[in-house]
PDB file of N, CA and C in Angstrom:
ATOM      1  N   UNK A   1     -39.509-181.232  54.203  1.00  0.00           N
ATOM      2  CA  UNK A   1     -40.409-181.222  53.867  1.00  0.00           C
ATOM      3  C   UNK A   1     -41.090-179.461  53.544  1.00  0.00           C
ATOM      4  N   UNK A   2     -40.114-178.611  53.933  1.00  0.00           N
ATOM      5  CA  UNK A   2     -40.392-177.223  53.426  1.00  0.00           C
ATOM      6  C   UNK A   2     -39.789-176.806  52.350  1.00  0.00           C
ATOM      7  N   UNK A   3     -38.895-177.467  51.197  1.00  0.00           N
ATOM      8  CA  UNK A   3     -38.653-177.829  50.233  1.00  0.00           C
ATOM      9  C   UNK A   3     -39.977-178.283  49.132  1.00  0.00           C
ATOM     10  N   UNK A   4     -40.741-178.822  49.765  1.00  0.00           N
ATOM     11  CA  UNK A   4     -41.987-179.309  49.376  1.00  0.00           C
ATOM     12  C   UNK A   4     -43.079-178.080  49.215  1.00  0.00           C
ATOM     13  N   UNK A   5     -42.754-177.424  50.389  1.00  0.00           N
ATOM     14  CA  UNK A   5     -43.936-176.438  50.624  1.00  0.00           C
ATOM     15  C   UNK A   5     -43.645-175.325  49.174  1.00  0.00           C
ATOM     16  N   UNK A   6     -42.018-175.329  49.522  1.00  0.00           N
ATOM     17  CA  UNK A   6     -42.051-174.251  48.578  1.00  0.00           C
ATOM     18  C   UNK A   6     -42.225-174.666  46.952  1.00  0.00           C
ATOM     19  N   UNK A   7     -42.028-176.011  46.764  1.00  0.00           N
ATOM     20  CA  UNK A   7     -42.307-176.442  45.175  1.00  0.00           C
ATOM     21  C   UNK A   7     -43.978-176.222  45.255  1.00  0.00           C
ATOM     22  N   UNK A   8     -44.576-176.261  46.106  1.00  0.00           N
ATOM     23  CA  UNK A   8     -45.984-175.989  45.954  1.00  0.00           C
ATOM     24  C   UNK A   8     -46.121-174.479  45.397  1.00  0.00           C
ATOM     25  N   UNK A   9     -45.532-173.541  45.894  1.00  0.00           N
ATOM     26  CA  UNK A   9     -45.719-172.659  45.912  1.00  0.00           C
ATOM     27  C   UNK A   9     -45.505-172.355  44.246  1.00  0.00           C
ATOM     28  N   UNK A  10     -43.908-172.601  43.669  1.00  0.00           N
ATOM     29  CA  UNK A  10     -43.597-172.158  42.603  1.00  0.00           C
ATOM     30  C   UNK A  10     -44.127-172.888  41.720  1.00  0.00           C
ATOM     31  N   UNK A  11     -45.141-173.816  41.869  1.00  0.00           N
ATOM     32  CA  UNK A  11     -45.777-174.280  40.828  1.00  0.00           C
ATOM     33  C   UNK A  11     -47.326-173.779  41.097  1.00  0.00           C
ATOM     34  N   UNK A  12     -47.392-172.813  42.040  1.00  0.00           N
ATOM     35  CA  UNK A  12     -48.945-172.479  41.960  1.00  0.00           C
ATOM     36  C   UNK A  12     -48.521-171.018  41.043  1.00  0.00           C
ATOM     37  N   UNK A  13     -50.192-170.484  40.622  1.00  0.00           N
ATOM     38  CA  UNK A  13     -50.032-169.353  40.147  1.00  0.00           C
ATOM     39  C   UNK A  13     -48.866-168.467  40.570  1.00  0.00           C
ATOM     40  N   UNK A  14     -47.815-167.768  39.724  1.00  0.00           N
ATOM     41  CA  UNK A  14     -47.063-166.788  39.969  1.00  0.00           C
ATOM     42  C   UNK A  14     -47.369-165.441  41.644  1.00  0.00           C
ATOM     43  N   UNK A  15     -46.973-165.571  42.504  1.00  0.00           N
ATOM     44  CA  UNK A  15     -47.237-164.448  43.167  1.00  0.00           C
ATOM     45  C   UNK A  15     -45.661-163.709  43.433  1.00  0.00           C
ATOM     46  N   UNK A  16     -46.407-162.459  44.310  1.00  0.00           N
ATOM     47  CA  UNK A  16     -44.681-161.930  44.009  1.00  0.00           C
ATOM     48  C   UNK A  16     -43.698-162.851  45.808  1.00  0.00           C
ATOM     49  N   UNK A  17     -42.765-162.694  45.493  1.00  0.00           N
ATOM     50  CA  UNK A  17     -41.913-163.130  47.030  1.00  0.00           C
ATOM     51  C   UNK A  17     -42.422-162.763  47.975  1.00  0.00           C
ATOM     52  N   UNK A  18     -42.730-161.781  48.060  1.00  0.00           N
ATOM     53  CA  UNK A  18     -43.462-161.194  49.506  1.00  0.00           C
ATOM     54  C   UNK A  18     -44.554-161.770  49.860  1.00  0.00           C
ATOM     55  N   UNK A  19     -45.105-161.542  48.867  1.00  0.00           N
ATOM     56  CA  UNK A  19     -46.759-162.961  49.608  1.00  0.00           C
ATOM     57  C   UNK A  19     -46.130-163.899  50.084  1.00  0.00           C
ATOM     58  N   UNK A  20     -44.888-165.078  49.283  1.00  0.00           N
ATOM     59  CA  UNK A  20     -44.538-166.074  50.136  1.00  0.00           C
ATOM     60  C   UNK A  20     -44.195-166.228  51.199  1.00  0.00           C
ATOM     61  N   UNK A  21     -43.742-164.985  52.353  1.00  0.00           N
ATOM     62  CA  UNK A  21     -43.512-164.813  52.905  1.00  0.00           C
ATOM     63  C   UNK A  21     -44.547-164.839  54.468  1.00  0.00           C
ATOM     64  N   UNK A  22     -45.841-164.730  53.827  1.00  0.00           N
ATOM     65  CA  UNK A  22     -46.829-164.267  54.702  1.00  0.00           C
ATOM     66  C   UNK A  22     -48.280-165.834  54.519  1.00  0.00           C
ATOM     67  N   UNK A  23     -47.349-166.414  53.351  1.00  0.00           N
ATOM     68  CA  UNK A  23     -48.535-167.691  53.077  1.00  0.00           C
ATOM     69  C   UNK A  23     -49.120-168.823  54.013  1.00  0.00           C
ATOM     70  N   UNK A  24     -48.459-168.462  54.984  1.00  0.00           N
ATOM     71  CA  UNK A  24     -49.065-170.076  56.028  1.00  0.00           C
ATOM     72  C   UNK A  24     -48.206-171.473  55.726  1.00  0.00           C
ATOM     73  N   UNK A  25     -47.278-171.282  54.964  1.00  0.00           N
ATOM     74  CA  UNK A  25     -46.306-172.788  54.590  1.00  0.00           C
ATOM     75  C   UNK A  25     -46.742-173.602  56.438  1.00  0.00           C
ATOM     76  N   UNK A  26     -46.273-173.414  57.899  1.00  0.00           N
ATOM     77  CA  UNK A  26     -46.345-173.968  58.972  1.00  0.00           C
ATOM     78  C   UNK A  26     -47.754-174.911  58.764  1.00  0.00           C
ATOM     79  N   UNK A  27     -49.162-174.138  58.232  1.00  0.00           N
ATOM     80  CA  UNK A  27     -49.962-174.676  58.524  1.00  0.00           C
ATOM     81  C   UNK A  27     -50.232-175.799  57.313  1.00  0.00           C
ATOM     82  N   UNK A  28     -50.027-175.260  56.228  1.00  0.00           N
ATOM     83  CA  UNK A  28     -49.514-176.169  54.883  1.00  0.00           C
ATOM     84  C   UNK A  28     -48.972-177.570  55.690  1.00  0.00           C
ATOM     85  N   UNK A  29     -47.791-177.044  56.038  1.00  0.00           N
ATOM     86  CA  UNK A  29     -46.867-178.394  56.232  1.00  0.00           C
ATOM     87  C   UNK A  29     -47.817-178.912  57.059  1.00  0.00           C
ATOM     88  N   UNK A  30     -48.332-178.762  58.402  1.00  0.00           N
ATOM     89  CA  UNK A  30     -48.815-179.582  59.135  1.00  0.00           C
ATOM     90  C   UNK A  30     -49.611-180.237  58.427  1.00  0.00           C
ATOM     91  N   UNK A  31     -50.520-179.872  57.909  1.00  0.00           N
ATOM     92  CA  UNK A  31     -52.094-180.187  56.883  1.00  0.00           C
ATOM     93  C   UNK A  31     -51.197-181.559  56.064  1.00  0.00           C
ATOM     94  N   UNK A  32     -50.190-181.543  55.249  1.00  0.00           N
ATOM     95  CA  UNK A  32     -49.572-182.331  54.324  1.00  0.00           C
ATOM     96  C   UNK A  32     -48.855-183.728  55.158  1.00  0.00           C
ATOM     97  N   UNK A  33     -48.129-183.456  56.038  1.00  0.00           N
ATOM     98  CA  UNK A  33     -47.134-184.061  56.360  1.00  0.00           C
ATOM     99  C   UNK A  33     -47.539-185.674  56.687  1.00  0.00           C
ATOM    100  N   UNK A  34     -48.700-185.772  57.100  1.00  0.00           N
ATOM    101  CA  UNK A  34     -49.172-187.314  57.669  1.00  0.00           C
ATOM    102  C   UNK A  34     -49.451-187.834  56.266  1.00  0.00           C
ATOM    103  N   UNK A  35     -50.275-186.836  55.336  1.00  0.00           N
ATOM    104  CA  UNK A  35     -49.828-187.586  54.263  1.00  0.00           C
ATOM    105  C   UNK A  35     -49.222-188.196  53.283  1.00  0.00           C
ATOM    106  N   UNK A  36     -48.124-187.172  53.067  1.00  0.00           N
ATOM    107  CA  UNK A  36     -46.682-187.448  52.862  1.00  0.00           C
ATOM    108  C   UNK A  36     -45.824-188.688  53.514  1.00  0.00           C
ATOM    109  N   UNK A  37     -46.136-188.737  54.704  1.00  0.00           N
ATOM    110  CA  UNK A  37     -46.178-190.165  55.383  1.00  0.00           C
ATOM    111  C   UNK A  37     -46.461-190.984  55.245  1.00  0.00           C
ATOM    112  N   UNK A  38     -47.817-191.138  54.482  1.00  0.00           N
ATOM    113  CA  UNK A  38     -48.352-192.230  54.798  1.00  0.00           C
ATOM    114  C   UNK A  38     -48.376-192.864  53.269  1.00  0.00           C
ATOM    115  N   UNK A  39     -48.504-191.926  52.195  1.00  0.00           N
ATOM    116  CA  UNK A  39     -48.835-192.428  50.624  1.00  0.00           C
ATOM    117  C   UNK A  39     -47.693-192.509  49.924  1.00  0.00           C
ATOM    118  N   UNK A  40     -46.387-191.267  50.291  1.00  0.00           N
ATOM    119  CA  UNK A  40     -45.426-191.204  49.966  1.00  0.00           C
ATOM    120  C   UNK A  40     -43.635-191.349  50.455  1.00  0.00           C
ATOM    121  N   UNK A  41     -43.638-191.849  51.587  1.00  0.00           N
ATOM    122  CA  UNK A  41     -42.568-192.319  52.439  1.00  0.00           C
ATOM    123  C   UNK A  41     -41.514-192.319  51.563  1.00  0.00           C
ATOM    124  N   UNK A  42     -41.804-193.753  50.458  1.00  0.00           N
ATOM    125  CA  UNK A  42     -40.634-194.119  50.142  1.00  0.00           C
ATOM    126  C   UNK A  42     -39.792-193.508  48.819  1.00  0.00           C
ATOM    127  N   UNK A  43     -40.723-192.227  48.656  1.00  0.00           N
ATOM    128  CA  UNK A  43     -40.245-191.134  47.850  1.00  0.00           C
ATOM    129  C   UNK A  43     -39.726-190.049  47.996  1.00  0.00           C
ATOM    130  N   UNK A  44     -39.473-189.955  49.114  1.00  0.00           N
ATOM    131  CA  UNK A  44     -39.157-188.733  50.257  1.00  0.00           C
ATOM    132  C   UNK A  44     -37.882-188.270  49.454  1.00  0.00           C
ATOM    133  N   UNK A  45     -37.325-189.474  49.523  1.00  0.00           N
ATOM    134  CA  UNK A  45     -35.542-188.552  49.080  1.00  0.00           C
ATOM    135  C   UNK A  45     -35.218-188.267  47.217  1.00  0.00           C
ATOM    136  N   UNK A  46     -36.555-188.903  46.675  1.00  0.00           N
ATOM    137  CA  UNK A  46     -36.715-188.688  45.138  1.00  0.00           C
ATOM    138  C   UNK A  46     -37.207-187.078  44.792  1.00  0.00           C
ATOM    139  N   UNK A  47     -37.089-186.088  45.661  1.00  0.00           N
ATOM    140  CA  UNK A  47     -37.063-185.237  45.421  1.00  0.00           C
ATOM    141  C   UNK A  47     -38.699-184.565  45.567  1.00  0.00           C
ATOM    142  N   UNK A  48     -38.590-183.055  45.107  1.00  0.00           N
ATOM    143  CA  UNK A  48     -40.180-182.341  45.737  1.00  0.00           C
ATOM    144  C   UNK A  48     -40.837-182.532  44.891  1.00  0.00           C
ATOM    145  N   UNK A  49     -40.687-182.603  43.511  1.00  0.00           N
ATOM    146  CA  UNK A  49     -41.700-182.653  42.442  1.00  0.00           C
ATOM    147  C   UNK A  49     -42.277-184.093  42.342  1.00  0.00           C
ATOM    148  N   UNK A  50     -41.230-184.911  42.896  1.00  0.00           N
ATOM    149  CA  UNK A  50     -41.706-186.476  43.129  1.00  0.00           C
ATOM    150  C   UNK A  50     -42.630-186.684  44.057  1.00  0.00           C
ATOM    151  N   UNK A  51     -42.720-185.828  45.511  1.00  0.00           N
ATOM    152  CA  UNK A  51     -43.459-185.950  46.510  1.00  0.00           C
ATOM    153  C   UNK A  51     -45.021-184.968  45.891  1.00  0.00           C
ATOM    154  N   UNK A  52     -45.010-183.966  45.214  1.00  0.00           N
ATOM    155  CA  UNK A  52     -46.106-183.477  44.857  1.00  0.00           C
ATOM    156  C   UNK A  52     -46.802-184.161  43.819  1.00  0.00           C
ATOM    157  N   UNK A  53     -46.087-185.253  42.825  1.00  0.00           N
ATOM    158  CA  UNK A  53     -46.914-185.735  42.123  1.00  0.00           C
ATOM    159  C   UNK A  53     -47.069-187.257  42.541  1.00  0.00           C
ATOM    160  N   UNK A  54     -46.752-187.540  43.898  1.00  0.00           N
ATOM    161  CA  UNK A  54     -47.510-188.875  44.423  1.00  0.00           C
ATOM    162  C   UNK A  54     -48.855-188.537  45.063  1.00  0.00           C
ATOM    163  N   UNK A  55     -48.714-187.032  45.622  1.00  0.00           N
ATOM    164  CA  UNK A  55     -50.109-186.617  46.571  1.00  0.00           C
ATOM    165  C   UNK A  55     -50.717-186.146  45.555  1.00  0.00           C
ATOM    166  N   UNK A  56     -50.403-185.932  44.381  1.00  0.00           N
ATOM    167  CA  UNK A  56     -51.400-185.606  43.119  1.00  0.00           C
ATOM    168  C   UNK A  56     -52.314-187.039  42.893  1.00  0.00           C
ATOM    169  N   UNK A  57     -51.270-188.031  42.819  1.00  0.00           N
ATOM    170  CA  UNK A  57     -51.721-189.297  42.043  1.00  0.00           C
ATOM    171  C   UNK A  57     -52.336-189.841  43.589  1.00  0.00           C
ATOM    172  N   UNK A  58     -52.367-189.536  44.904  1.00  0.00           N
ATOM    173  CA  UNK A  58     -52.982-190.329  46.053  1.00  0.00           C
ATOM    174  C   UNK A  58     -54.347-189.250  45.737  1.00  0.00           C
ATOM    175  N   UNK A  59     -54.901-188.146  45.531  1.00  0.00           N
ATOM    176  CA  UNK A  59     -55.460-186.919  45.914  1.00  0.00           C
ATOM    177  C   UNK A  59     -56.990-187.530  46.672  1.00  0.00           C
ATOM    178  N   UNK A  60     -57.115-188.850  46.233  1.00  0.00           N
ATOM    179  CA  UNK A  60     -58.571-189.281  46.462  1.00  0.00           C
ATOM    180  C   UNK A  60     -58.624-189.848  47.882  1.00  0.00           C
ATOM    181  N   UNK A  61     -57.138-189.872  48.243  1.00  0.00           N
ATOM    182  CA  UNK A  61     -57.022-191.073  49.620  1.00  0.00           C
ATOM    183  C   UNK A  61     -56.561-189.688  50.306  1.00  0.00           C
ATOM    184  N   UNK A  62     -56.109-188.565  50.063  1.00  0.00           N
ATOM    185  CA  UNK A  62     -54.945-187.519  51.119  1.00  0.00           C
ATOM    186  C   UNK A  62     -56.663-187.305  51.995  1.00  0.00           C
ATOM    187  N   UNK A  63     -56.157-186.743  52.986  1.00  0.00           N
ATOM    188  CA  UNK A  63     -56.691-185.681  54.065  1.00  0.00           C
ATOM    189  C   UNK A  63     -57.449-184.438  53.772  1.00  0.00           C
ATOM    190  N   UNK A  64     -58.424-184.312  54.474  1.00  0.00           N
ATOM    191  CA  UNK A  64     -59.529-182.961  53.534  1.00  0.00           C
ATOM    192  C   UNK A  64     -58.266-181.581  53.494  1.00  0.00           C
ATOM    193  N   UNK A  65     -57.390-181.488  54.495  1.00  0.00           N
ATOM    194  CA  UNK A  65     -56.881-180.951  54.744  1.00  0.00           C
ATOM    195  C   UNK A  65     -55.536-180.529  53.787  1.00  0.00           C
ATOM    196  N   UNK A  66     -55.115-181.427  53.655  1.00  0.00           N
ATOM    197  CA  UNK A  66     -53.962-181.489  52.429  1.00  0.00           C
ATOM    198  C   UNK A  66     -54.625-181.353  50.972  1.00  0.00           C
ATOM    199  N   UNK A  67     -55.667-181.744  50.757  1.00  0.00           N
ATOM    200  CA  UNK A  67     -56.307-181.493  49.607  1.00  0.00           C
ATOM    201  C   UNK A  67     -56.985-180.164  49.103  1.00  0.00           C
ATOM    202  N   UNK A  68     -57.272-179.496  50.474  1.00  0.00           N
ATOM    203  CA  UNK A  68     -57.510-177.672  50.337  1.00  0.00           C
ATOM    204  C   UNK A  68     -56.169-177.404  50.443  1.00  0.00           C
ATOM    205  N   UNK A  69     -54.899-177.714  50.593  1.00  0.00           N
ATOM    206  CA  UNK A  69     -53.503-177.030  50.559  1.00  0.00           C
ATOM    207  C   UNK A  69     -53.120-177.076  48.826  1.00  0.00           C
ATOM    208  N   UNK A  70     -53.700-178.480  48.350  1.00  0.00           N
ATOM    209  CA  UNK A  70     -53.045-178.425  47.066  1.00  0.00           C
ATOM    210  C   UNK A  70     -54.314-177.680  45.990  1.00  0.00           C
ATOM    211  N   UNK A  71     -55.019-177.576  46.695  1.00  0.00           N
ATOM    212  CA  UNK A  71     -56.134-176.623  45.706  1.00  0.00           C
ATOM    213  C   UNK A  71     -55.566-175.350  45.805  1.00  0.00           C
ATOM    214  N   UNK A  72     -55.677-175.022  47.115  1.00  0.00           N
ATOM    215  CA  UNK A  72     -55.246-173.532  47.611  1.00  0.00           C
ATOM    216  C   UNK A  72     -54.554-172.675  46.869  1.00  0.00           C
ATOM    217  N   UNK A  73     -52.912-174.215  46.183  1.00  0.00           N
ATOM    218  CA  UNK A  73     -51.992-173.324  45.906  1.00  0.00           C
ATOM    219  C   UNK A  73     -52.092-173.963  44.115  1.00  0.00           C
ATOM    220  N   UNK A  74     -53.377-174.100  43.625  1.00  0.00           N
ATOM    221  CA  UNK A  74     -53.535-174.611  42.376  1.00  0.00           C
ATOM    222  C   UNK A  74     -52.943-175.801  41.222  1.00  0.00           C
ATOM    223  N   UNK A  75     -53.199-176.829  42.629  1.00  0.00           N
ATOM    224  CA  UNK A  75     -52.799-177.937  42.345  1.00  0.00           C
ATOM    225  C   UNK A  75     -53.570-179.249  42.247  1.00  0.00           C
TER     226      UNK A  75
END
């Protein structure tokens, strides 16, 4: 799951590496873990970009918290 969150950050607007260290990834992970398990479980072994694509594809069904994580990272 940490790889997934790193992917979110890398796909967002470029930020300095020091900013990534203070980005609240634990909260982001908690917000999206249930949605990843619900909608993308079968894809979890296919890599972070696949999971991100799955979340984007299921955006209307995502929890508000996970949608906000995606929006907050420019997705």
